[in-house]
Amino acid sequence: MTHAPHQLGIGIRRHFTTPETHPYDTVEWERRDARIPNYKEGGDAFFQPGVEFPKSWSLNATNIVAQKYFRGTLGCLSASTRCAR
């Protein structure tokens, strides 16, 4: 039986980042409010204030991702529920 040579990784070279800089630090971030209006009944179907997203993302993308993935109590300052990082 033949054994594969011992490797620490699969051999993919770094292309878009550098070892000194975390990839999230290369993105410009901003806080915005995610809001999806309820046109049928008025008011908001979804509202999450102060979520953090890449500045280059559209407001529509912000609203969709926030509604789908940011859960928890509104007003909670947990980074895992308020930031796309």
PDB file of N, CA and C in Angstrom:
ATOM      1  N   MET A   1       0.853  -1.178   0.000  1.00  0.00           N
ATOM      2  CA  MET A   1       0.000   0.000   0.000  1.00  0.00           C
ATOM      3  C   MET A   1       0.899   1.241   0.000  1.00  0.00           C
ATOM      4  N   THR A   2       0.600   2.184  -0.852  1.00  0.00           N
ATOM      5  CA  THR A   2       1.389   3.406  -0.958  1.00  0.00           C
ATOM      6  C   THR A   2       0.764   4.499  -0.114  1.00  0.00           C
ATOM      7  N   HIS A   3       1.597   5.268   0.522  1.00  0.00           N
ATOM      8  CA  HIS A   3       1.126   6.382   1.346  1.00  0.00           C
ATOM      9  C   HIS A   3       1.418   7.708   0.658  1.00  0.00           C
ATOM     10  N   ALA A   4       0.502   8.625   0.775  1.00  0.00           N
ATOM     11  CA  ALA A   4       0.700   9.965   0.214  1.00  0.00           C
ATOM     12  C   ALA A   4       1.759  10.694   1.036  1.00  0.00           C
ATOM     13  N   PRO A   5       2.540  11.553   0.391  1.00  0.00           N
ATOM     14  CA  PRO A   5       3.551  12.311   1.142  1.00  0.00           C
ATOM     15  C   PRO A   5       2.886  13.241   2.163  1.00  0.00           C
ATOM     16  N   HIS A   6       3.569  13.436   3.270  1.00  0.00           N
ATOM     17  CA  HIS A   6       3.041  14.304   4.330  1.00  0.00           C
ATOM     18  C   HIS A   6       3.065  15.762   3.873  1.00  0.00           C
ATOM     19  N   GLN A   7       1.910  16.429   3.930  1.00  0.00           N
ATOM     20  CA  GLN A   7       1.800  17.836   3.557  1.00  0.00           C
ATOM     21  C   GLN A   7       1.058  18.576   4.649  1.00  0.00           C
ATOM     22  N   LEU A   8       1.357  19.856   4.804  1.00  0.00           N
ATOM     23  CA  LEU A   8       0.646  20.677   5.770  1.00  0.00           C
ATOM     24  C   LEU A   8      -0.607  21.299   5.173  1.00  0.00           C
ATOM     25  N   GLY A   9      -0.702  21.374   3.881  1.00  0.00           N
ATOM     26  CA  GLY A   9      -1.858  21.985   3.224  1.00  0.00           C
ATOM     27  C   GLY A   9      -2.043  21.382   1.841  1.00  0.00           C
ATOM     28  N   ILE A  10      -2.942  21.973   1.097  1.00  0.00           N
ATOM     29  CA  ILE A  10      -3.219  21.429  -0.233  1.00  0.00           C
ATOM     30  C   ILE A  10      -2.460  22.173  -1.341  1.00  0.00           C
ATOM     31  N   GLY A  11      -1.631  23.116  -0.971  1.00  0.00           N
ATOM     32  CA  GLY A  11      -0.766  23.747  -1.948  1.00  0.00           C
ATOM     33  C   GLY A  11      -1.382  24.878  -2.748  1.00  0.00           C
ATOM     34  N   ILE A  12      -2.298  25.608  -2.167  1.00  0.00           N
ATOM     35  CA  ILE A  12      -2.882  26.767  -2.854  1.00  0.00           C
ATOM     36  C   ILE A  12      -2.086  28.003  -2.465  1.00  0.00           C
ATOM     37  N   ARG A  13      -1.600  28.710  -3.455  1.00  0.00           N
ATOM     38  CA  ARG A  13      -0.821  29.920  -3.184  1.00  0.00           C
ATOM     39  C   ARG A  13      -1.737  31.124  -2.982  1.00  0.00           C
ATOM     40  N   ARG A  14      -1.308  32.025  -2.146  1.00  0.00           N
ATOM     41  CA  ARG A  14      -2.034  33.270  -1.873  1.00  0.00           C
ATOM     42  C   ARG A  14      -2.002  34.141  -3.120  1.00  0.00           C
ATOM     43  N   HIS A  15      -3.167  34.727  -3.476  1.00  0.00           N
ATOM     44  CA  HIS A  15      -3.238  35.528  -4.694  1.00  0.00           C
ATOM     45  C   HIS A  15      -3.748  36.943  -4.431  1.00  0.00           C
ATOM     46  N   PHE A  16      -4.806  37.096  -3.649  1.00  0.00           N
ATOM     47  CA  PHE A  16      -5.436  38.400  -3.458  1.00  0.00           C
ATOM     48  C   PHE A  16      -5.077  39.080  -2.143  1.00  0.00           C
ATOM     49  N   THR A  17      -4.402  38.396  -1.247  1.00  0.00           N
ATOM     50  CA  THR A  17      -4.111  38.958   0.076  1.00  0.00           C
ATOM     51  C   THR A  17      -2.627  38.836   0.389  1.00  0.00           C
ATOM     52  N   THR A  18      -2.230  39.484   1.474  1.00  0.00           N
ATOM     53  CA  THR A  18      -0.859  39.378   1.953  1.00  0.00           C
ATOM     54  C   THR A  18      -0.888  38.810   3.371  1.00  0.00           C
ATOM     55  N   PRO A  19       0.181  38.152   3.800  1.00  0.00           N
ATOM     56  CA  PRO A  19       0.187  37.560   5.144  1.00  0.00           C
ATOM     57  C   PRO A  19       0.063  38.603   6.261  1.00  0.00           C
ATOM     58  N   GLU A  20       0.498  39.824   6.010  1.00  0.00           N
ATOM     59  CA  GLU A  20       0.504  40.858   7.049  1.00  0.00           C
ATOM     60  C   GLU A  20      -0.867  41.489   7.279  1.00  0.00           C
ATOM     61  N   THR A  21      -1.775  41.384   6.313  1.00  0.00           N
ATOM     62  CA  THR A  21      -3.051  42.095   6.377  1.00  0.00           C
ATOM     63  C   THR A  21      -4.216  41.116   6.371  1.00  0.00           C
ATOM     64  N   HIS A  22      -5.121  41.281   7.338  1.00  0.00           N
ATOM     65  CA  HIS A  22      -6.328  40.453   7.358  1.00  0.00           C
ATOM     66  C   HIS A  22      -7.220  40.870   6.188  1.00  0.00           C
ATOM     67  N   PRO A  23      -7.834  39.929   5.488  1.00  0.00           N
ATOM     68  CA  PRO A  23      -8.660  40.272   4.320  1.00  0.00           C
ATOM     69  C   PRO A  23      -9.783  41.266   4.634  1.00  0.00           C
ATOM     70  N   TYR A  24     -10.391  41.193   5.821  1.00  0.00           N
ATOM     71  CA  TYR A  24     -11.460  42.135   6.169  1.00  0.00           C
ATOM     72  C   TYR A  24     -10.948  43.565   6.304  1.00  0.00           C
ATOM     73  N   ASP A  25      -9.665  43.720   6.592  1.00  0.00           N
ATOM     74  CA  ASP A  25      -9.099  45.059   6.713  1.00  0.00           C
ATOM     75  C   ASP A  25      -8.917  45.735   5.360  1.00  0.00           C
ATOM     76  N   THR A  26      -9.049  45.001   4.269  1.00  0.00           N
ATOM     77  CA  THR A  26      -8.909  45.590   2.941  1.00  0.00           C
ATOM     78  C   THR A  26     -10.240  46.107   2.403  1.00  0.00           C
ATOM     79  N   VAL A  27     -11.325  45.878   3.140  1.00  0.00           N
ATOM     80  CA  VAL A  27     -12.666  46.297   2.725  1.00  0.00           C
ATOM     81  C   VAL A  27     -13.074  47.530   3.519  1.00  0.00           C
ATOM     82  N   GLU A  28     -13.681  48.502   2.837  1.00  0.00           N
ATOM     83  CA  GLU A  28     -14.200  49.683   3.524  1.00  0.00           C
ATOM     84  C   GLU A  28     -15.612  49.360   4.009  1.00  0.00           C
ATOM     85  N   TRP A  29     -15.852  49.528   5.325  1.00  0.00           N
ATOM     86  CA  TRP A  29     -17.113  49.157   5.958  1.00  0.00           C
ATOM     87  C   TRP A  29     -17.891  50.396   6.362  1.00  0.00           C
ATOM     88  N   GLU A  30     -19.228  50.255   6.439  1.00  0.00           N
ATOM     89  CA  GLU A  30     -20.058  51.340   6.955  1.00  0.00           C
ATOM     90  C   GLU A  30     -21.278  50.751   7.652  1.00  0.00           C
ATOM     91  N   ARG A  31     -21.812  51.523   8.585  1.00  0.00           N
ATOM     92  CA  ARG A  31     -23.037  51.124   9.284  1.00  0.00           C
ATOM     93  C   ARG A  31     -24.228  51.754   8.570  1.00  0.00           C
ATOM     94  N   ARG A  32     -25.279  50.953   8.418  1.00  0.00           N
ATOM     95  CA  ARG A  32     -26.513  51.444   7.800  1.00  0.00           C
ATOM     96  C   ARG A  32     -27.688  50.691   8.387  1.00  0.00           C
ATOM     97  N   ASP A  33     -28.862  51.188   8.130  1.00  0.00           N
ATOM     98  CA  ASP A  33     -30.081  50.539   8.600  1.00  0.00           C
ATOM     99  C   ASP A  33     -30.626  49.637   7.507  1.00  0.00           C
ATOM    100  N   ALA A  34     -30.959  48.399   7.871  1.00  0.00           N
ATOM    101  CA  ALA A  34     -31.589  47.465   6.936  1.00  0.00           C
ATOM    102  C   ALA A  34     -33.098  47.533   7.182  1.00  0.00           C
ATOM    103  N   ARG A  35     -33.844  47.831   6.130  1.00  0.00           N
ATOM    104  CA  ARG A  35     -35.294  47.998   6.263  1.00  0.00           C
ATOM    105  C   ARG A  35     -35.990  47.439   5.034  1.00  0.00           C
ATOM    106  N   ILE A  36     -36.977  46.572   5.278  1.00  0.00           N
ATOM    107  CA  ILE A  36     -37.826  46.053   4.215  1.00  0.00           C
ATOM    108  C   ILE A  36     -39.249  46.457   4.572  1.00  0.00           C
ATOM    109  N   PRO A  37     -39.846  47.344   3.777  1.00  0.00           N
ATOM    110  CA  PRO A  37     -41.187  47.836   4.102  1.00  0.00           C
ATOM    111  C   PRO A  37     -42.273  46.797   3.824  1.00  0.00           C
ATOM    112  N   ASN A  38     -43.335  46.882   4.605  1.00  0.00           N
ATOM    113  CA  ASN A  38     -44.513  46.051   4.392  1.00  0.00           C
ATOM    114  C   ASN A  38     -45.542  46.930   3.698  1.00  0.00           C
ATOM    115  N   TYR A  39     -45.584  46.841   2.380  1.00  0.00           N
ATOM    116  CA  TYR A  39     -46.465  47.716   1.604  1.00  0.00           C
ATOM    117  C   TYR A  39     -47.940  47.375   1.810  1.00  0.00           C
ATOM    118  N   LYS A  40     -48.242  46.136   2.116  1.00  0.00           N
ATOM    119  CA  LYS A  40     -49.624  45.706   2.264  1.00  0.00           C
ATOM    120  C   LYS A  40     -50.272  46.289   3.521  1.00  0.00           C
ATOM    121  N   GLU A  41     -49.565  46.217   4.644  1.00  0.00           N
ATOM    122  CA  GLU A  41     -50.130  46.661   5.923  1.00  0.00           C
ATOM    123  C   GLU A  41     -49.512  47.957   6.433  1.00  0.00           C
ATOM    124  N   GLY A  42     -48.483  48.438   5.768  1.00  0.00           N
ATOM    125  CA  GLY A  42     -47.773  49.621   6.245  1.00  0.00           C
ATOM    126  C   GLY A  42     -46.730  49.224   7.276  1.00  0.00           C
ATOM    127  N   GLY A  43     -45.838  50.127   7.579  1.00  0.00           N
ATOM    128  CA  GLY A  43     -44.782  49.819   8.544  1.00  0.00           C
ATOM    129  C   GLY A  43     -43.658  49.020   7.912  1.00  0.00           C
ATOM    130  N   ASP A  44     -42.955  48.278   8.746  1.00  0.00           N
ATOM    131  CA  ASP A  44     -41.799  47.514   8.290  1.00  0.00           C
ATOM    132  C   ASP A  44     -42.045  46.027   8.460  1.00  0.00           C
ATOM    133  N   ALA A  45     -41.704  45.253   7.435  1.00  0.00           N
ATOM    134  CA  ALA A  45     -41.710  43.799   7.547  1.00  0.00           C
ATOM    135  C   ALA A  45     -40.439  43.351   8.263  1.00  0.00           C
ATOM    136  N   PHE A  46     -39.349  44.119   8.082  1.00  0.00           N
ATOM    137  CA  PHE A  46     -38.078  43.832   8.740  1.00  0.00           C
ATOM    138  C   PHE A  46     -37.342  45.145   8.944  1.00  0.00           C
ATOM    139  N   PHE A  47     -36.749  45.325  10.125  1.00  0.00           N
ATOM    140  CA  PHE A  47     -35.935  46.502  10.388  1.00  0.00           C
ATOM    141  C   PHE A  47     -34.835  46.130  11.364  1.00  0.00           C
ATOM    142  N   GLN A  48     -33.600  46.415  10.987  1.00  0.00           N
ATOM    143  CA  GLN A  48     -32.440  46.190  11.855  1.00  0.00           C
ATOM    144  C   GLN A  48     -31.543  47.413  11.724  1.00  0.00           C
ATOM    145  N   PRO A  49     -31.466  48.236  12.752  1.00  0.00           N
ATOM    146  CA  PRO A  49     -30.643  49.444  12.665  1.00  0.00           C
ATOM    147  C   PRO A  49     -29.154  49.158  12.888  1.00  0.00           C
ATOM    148  N   GLY A  50     -28.318  49.938  12.238  1.00  0.00           N
ATOM    149  CA  GLY A  50     -26.884  49.933  12.505  1.00  0.00           C
ATOM    150  C   GLY A  50     -26.134  48.667  12.150  1.00  0.00           C
ATOM    151  N   VAL A  51     -26.522  47.993  11.069  1.00  0.00           N
ATOM    152  CA  VAL A  51     -25.763  46.821  10.644  1.00  0.00           C
ATOM    153  C   VAL A  51     -24.537  47.273   9.856  1.00  0.00           C
ATOM    154  N   GLU A  52     -23.467  46.496   9.902  1.00  0.00           N
ATOM    155  CA  GLU A  52     -22.217  46.878   9.258  1.00  0.00           C
ATOM    156  C   GLU A  52     -21.995  46.010   8.024  1.00  0.00           C
ATOM    157  N   PHE A  53     -21.834  46.675   6.887  1.00  0.00           N
ATOM    158  CA  PHE A  53     -21.657  45.993   5.600  1.00  0.00           C
ATOM    159  C   PHE A  53     -20.555  46.682   4.804  1.00  0.00           C
ATOM    160  N   PRO A  54     -20.006  45.978   3.808  1.00  0.00           N
ATOM    161  CA  PRO A  54     -19.055  46.644   2.912  1.00  0.00           C
ATOM    162  C   PRO A  54     -19.725  47.836   2.229  1.00  0.00           C
ATOM    163  N   LYS A  55     -18.996  48.930   2.130  1.00  0.00           N
ATOM    164  CA  LYS A  55     -19.537  50.151   1.546  1.00  0.00           C
ATOM    165  C   LYS A  55     -19.944  49.950   0.087  1.00  0.00           C
ATOM    166  N   SER A  56     -19.296  49.032  -0.604  1.00  0.00           N
ATOM    167  CA  SER A  56     -19.581  48.800  -2.020  1.00  0.00           C
ATOM    168  C   SER A  56     -20.881  48.026  -2.256  1.00  0.00           C
ATOM    169  N   TRP A  57     -21.462  47.433  -1.209  1.00  0.00           N
ATOM    170  CA  TRP A  57     -22.705  46.673  -1.381  1.00  0.00           C
ATOM    171  C   TRP A  57     -23.880  47.612  -1.543  1.00  0.00           C
ATOM    172  N   SER A  58     -24.854  47.200  -2.351  1.00  0.00           N
ATOM    173  CA  SER A  58     -26.070  47.991  -2.543  1.00  0.00           C
ATOM    174  C   SER A  58     -26.957  47.886  -1.302  1.00  0.00           C
ATOM    175  N   LEU A  59     -27.888  48.820  -1.180  1.00  0.00           N
ATOM    176  CA  LEU A  59     -28.837  48.774  -0.072  1.00  0.00           C
ATOM    177  C   LEU A  59     -29.725  47.541  -0.193  1.00  0.00           C
ATOM    178  N   ASN A  60     -30.051  47.140  -1.411  1.00  0.00           N
ATOM    179  CA  ASN A  60     -30.857  45.937  -1.616  1.00  0.00           C
ATOM    180  C   ASN A  60     -30.120  44.701  -1.094  1.00  0.00           C
ATOM    181  N   ALA A  61     -28.840  44.584  -1.392  1.00  0.00           N
ATOM    182  CA  ALA A  61     -28.049  43.459  -0.895  1.00  0.00           C
ATOM    183  C   ALA A  61     -27.990  43.481   0.628  1.00  0.00           C
ATOM    184  N   THR A  62     -27.822  44.667   1.206  1.00  0.00           N
ATOM    185  CA  THR A  62     -27.807  44.808   2.657  1.00  0.00           C
ATOM    186  C   THR A  62     -29.112  44.305   3.259  1.00  0.00           C
ATOM    187  N   ASN A  63     -30.227  44.724   2.699  1.00  0.00           N
ATOM    188  CA  ASN A  63     -31.535  44.325   3.226  1.00  0.00           C
ATOM    189  C   ASN A  63     -31.743  42.813   3.145  1.00  0.00           C
ATOM    190  N   ILE A  64     -31.381  42.222   2.019  1.00  0.00           N
ATOM    191  CA  ILE A  64     -31.587  40.786   1.830  1.00  0.00           C
ATOM    192  C   ILE A  64     -30.729  39.975   2.804  1.00  0.00           C
ATOM    193  N   VAL A  65     -29.453  40.293   2.892  1.00  0.00           N
ATOM    194  CA  VAL A  65     -28.553  39.541   3.770  1.00  0.00           C
ATOM    195  C   VAL A  65     -28.929  39.739   5.237  1.00  0.00           C
ATOM    196  N   ALA A  66     -29.247  40.964   5.626  1.00  0.00           N
ATOM    197  CA  ALA A  66     -29.618  41.228   7.017  1.00  0.00           C
ATOM    198  C   ALA A  66     -30.885  40.467   7.396  1.00  0.00           C
ATOM    199  N   GLN A  67     -31.879  40.463   6.520  1.00  0.00           N
ATOM    200  CA  GLN A  67     -33.123  39.762   6.834  1.00  0.00           C
ATOM    201  C   GLN A  67     -32.895  38.250   6.917  1.00  0.00           C
ATOM    202  N   LYS A  68     -32.072  37.727   6.039  1.00  0.00           N
ATOM    203  CA  LYS A  68     -31.865  36.281   5.994  1.00  0.00           C
ATOM    204  C   LYS A  68     -30.972  35.770   7.115  1.00  0.00           C
ATOM    205  N   TYR A  69     -29.899  36.504   7.453  1.00  0.00           N
ATOM    206  CA  TYR A  69     -28.879  35.956   8.338  1.00  0.00           C
ATOM    207  C   TYR A  69     -28.740  36.622   9.694  1.00  0.00           C
ATOM    208  N   PHE A  70     -29.199  37.841   9.875  1.00  0.00           N
ATOM    209  CA  PHE A  70     -29.022  38.514  11.159  1.00  0.00           C
ATOM    210  C   PHE A  70     -30.245  38.263  12.006  1.00  0.00           C
ATOM    211  N   ARG A  71     -30.075  37.411  12.991  1.00  0.00           N
ATOM    212  CA  ARG A  71     -31.187  37.075  13.865  1.00  0.00           C
ATOM    213  C   ARG A  71     -30.828  37.448  15.286  1.00  0.00           C
ATOM    214  N   GLY A  72     -31.826  37.459  16.116  1.00  0.00           N
ATOM    215  CA  GLY A  72     -31.589  37.750  17.522  1.00  0.00           C
ATOM    216  C   GLY A  72     -32.434  38.924  17.961  1.00  0.00           C
ATOM    217  N   THR A  73     -32.254  39.308  19.175  1.00  0.00           N
ATOM    218  CA  THR A  73     -33.021  40.391  19.754  1.00  0.00           C
ATOM    219  C   THR A  73     -32.591  41.721  19.166  1.00  0.00           C
ATOM    220  N   LEU A  74     -33.556  42.503  18.711  1.00  0.00           N
ATOM    221  CA  LEU A  74     -33.233  43.834  18.204  1.00  0.00           C
ATOM    222  C   LEU A  74     -32.636  44.662  19.337  1.00  0.00           C
ATOM    223  N   GLY A  75     -31.649  45.452  18.978  1.00  0.00           N
ATOM    224  CA  GLY A  75     -30.974  46.262  19.987  1.00  0.00           C
ATOM    225  C   GLY A  75     -29.803  45.560  20.618  1.00  0.00           C
ATOM    226  N   CYS A  76     -29.618  44.277  20.338  1.00  0.00           N
ATOM    227  CA  CYS A  76     -28.486  43.523  20.855  1.00  0.00           C
ATOM    228  C   CYS A  76     -27.223  43.986  20.129  1.00  0.00           C
ATOM    229  N   LEU A  77     -26.154  44.208  20.869  1.00  0.00           N
ATOM    230  CA  LEU A  77     -24.928  44.710  20.248  1.00  0.00           C
ATOM    231  C   LEU A  77     -23.961  43.600  19.888  1.00  0.00           C
ATOM    232  N   SER A  78     -24.418  42.374  19.837  1.00  0.00           N
ATOM    233  CA  SER A  78     -23.563  41.245  19.492  1.00  0.00           C
ATOM    234  C   SER A  78     -23.039  41.405  18.061  1.00  0.00           C
ATOM    235  N   ALA A  79     -21.739  41.324  17.890  1.00  0.00           N
ATOM    236  CA  ALA A  79     -21.140  41.500  16.557  1.00  0.00           C
ATOM    237  C   ALA A  79     -21.589  40.409  15.601  1.00  0.00           C
ATOM    238  N   SER A  80     -21.876  39.230  16.096  1.00  0.00           N
ATOM    239  CA  SER A  80     -22.268  38.142  15.214  1.00  0.00           C
ATOM    240  C   SER A  80     -23.642  38.355  14.609  1.00  0.00           C
ATOM    241  N   THR A  81     -24.455  39.227  15.173  1.00  0.00           N
ATOM    242  CA  THR A  81     -25.784  39.461  14.624  1.00  0.00           C
ATOM    243  C   THR A  81     -25.897  40.805  13.929  1.00  0.00           C
ATOM    244  N   ARG A  82     -24.830  41.599  13.921  1.00  0.00           N
ATOM    245  CA  ARG A  82     -24.943  42.950  13.377  1.00  0.00           C
ATOM    246  C   ARG A  82     -23.893  43.282  12.337  1.00  0.00           C
ATOM    247  N   CYS A  83     -23.055  42.338  11.959  1.00  0.00           N
ATOM    248  CA  CYS A  83     -21.948  42.666  11.065  1.00  0.00           C
ATOM    249  C   CYS A  83     -21.760  41.572  10.027  1.00  0.00           C
ATOM    250  N   ALA A  84     -21.517  41.981   8.805  1.00  0.00           N
ATOM    251  CA  ALA A  84     -21.319  41.013   7.725  1.00  0.00           C
ATOM    252  C   ALA A  84     -19.909  40.443   7.701  1.00  0.00           C
ATOM    253  N   ARG A  85     -19.035  40.896   8.581  1.00  0.00           N
ATOM    254  CA  ARG A  85     -17.642  40.412   8.590  1.00  0.00           C
ATOM    255  C   ARG A  85     -17.579  38.961   8.992  1.00  0.00           C
TER     256      ARG A  85
END
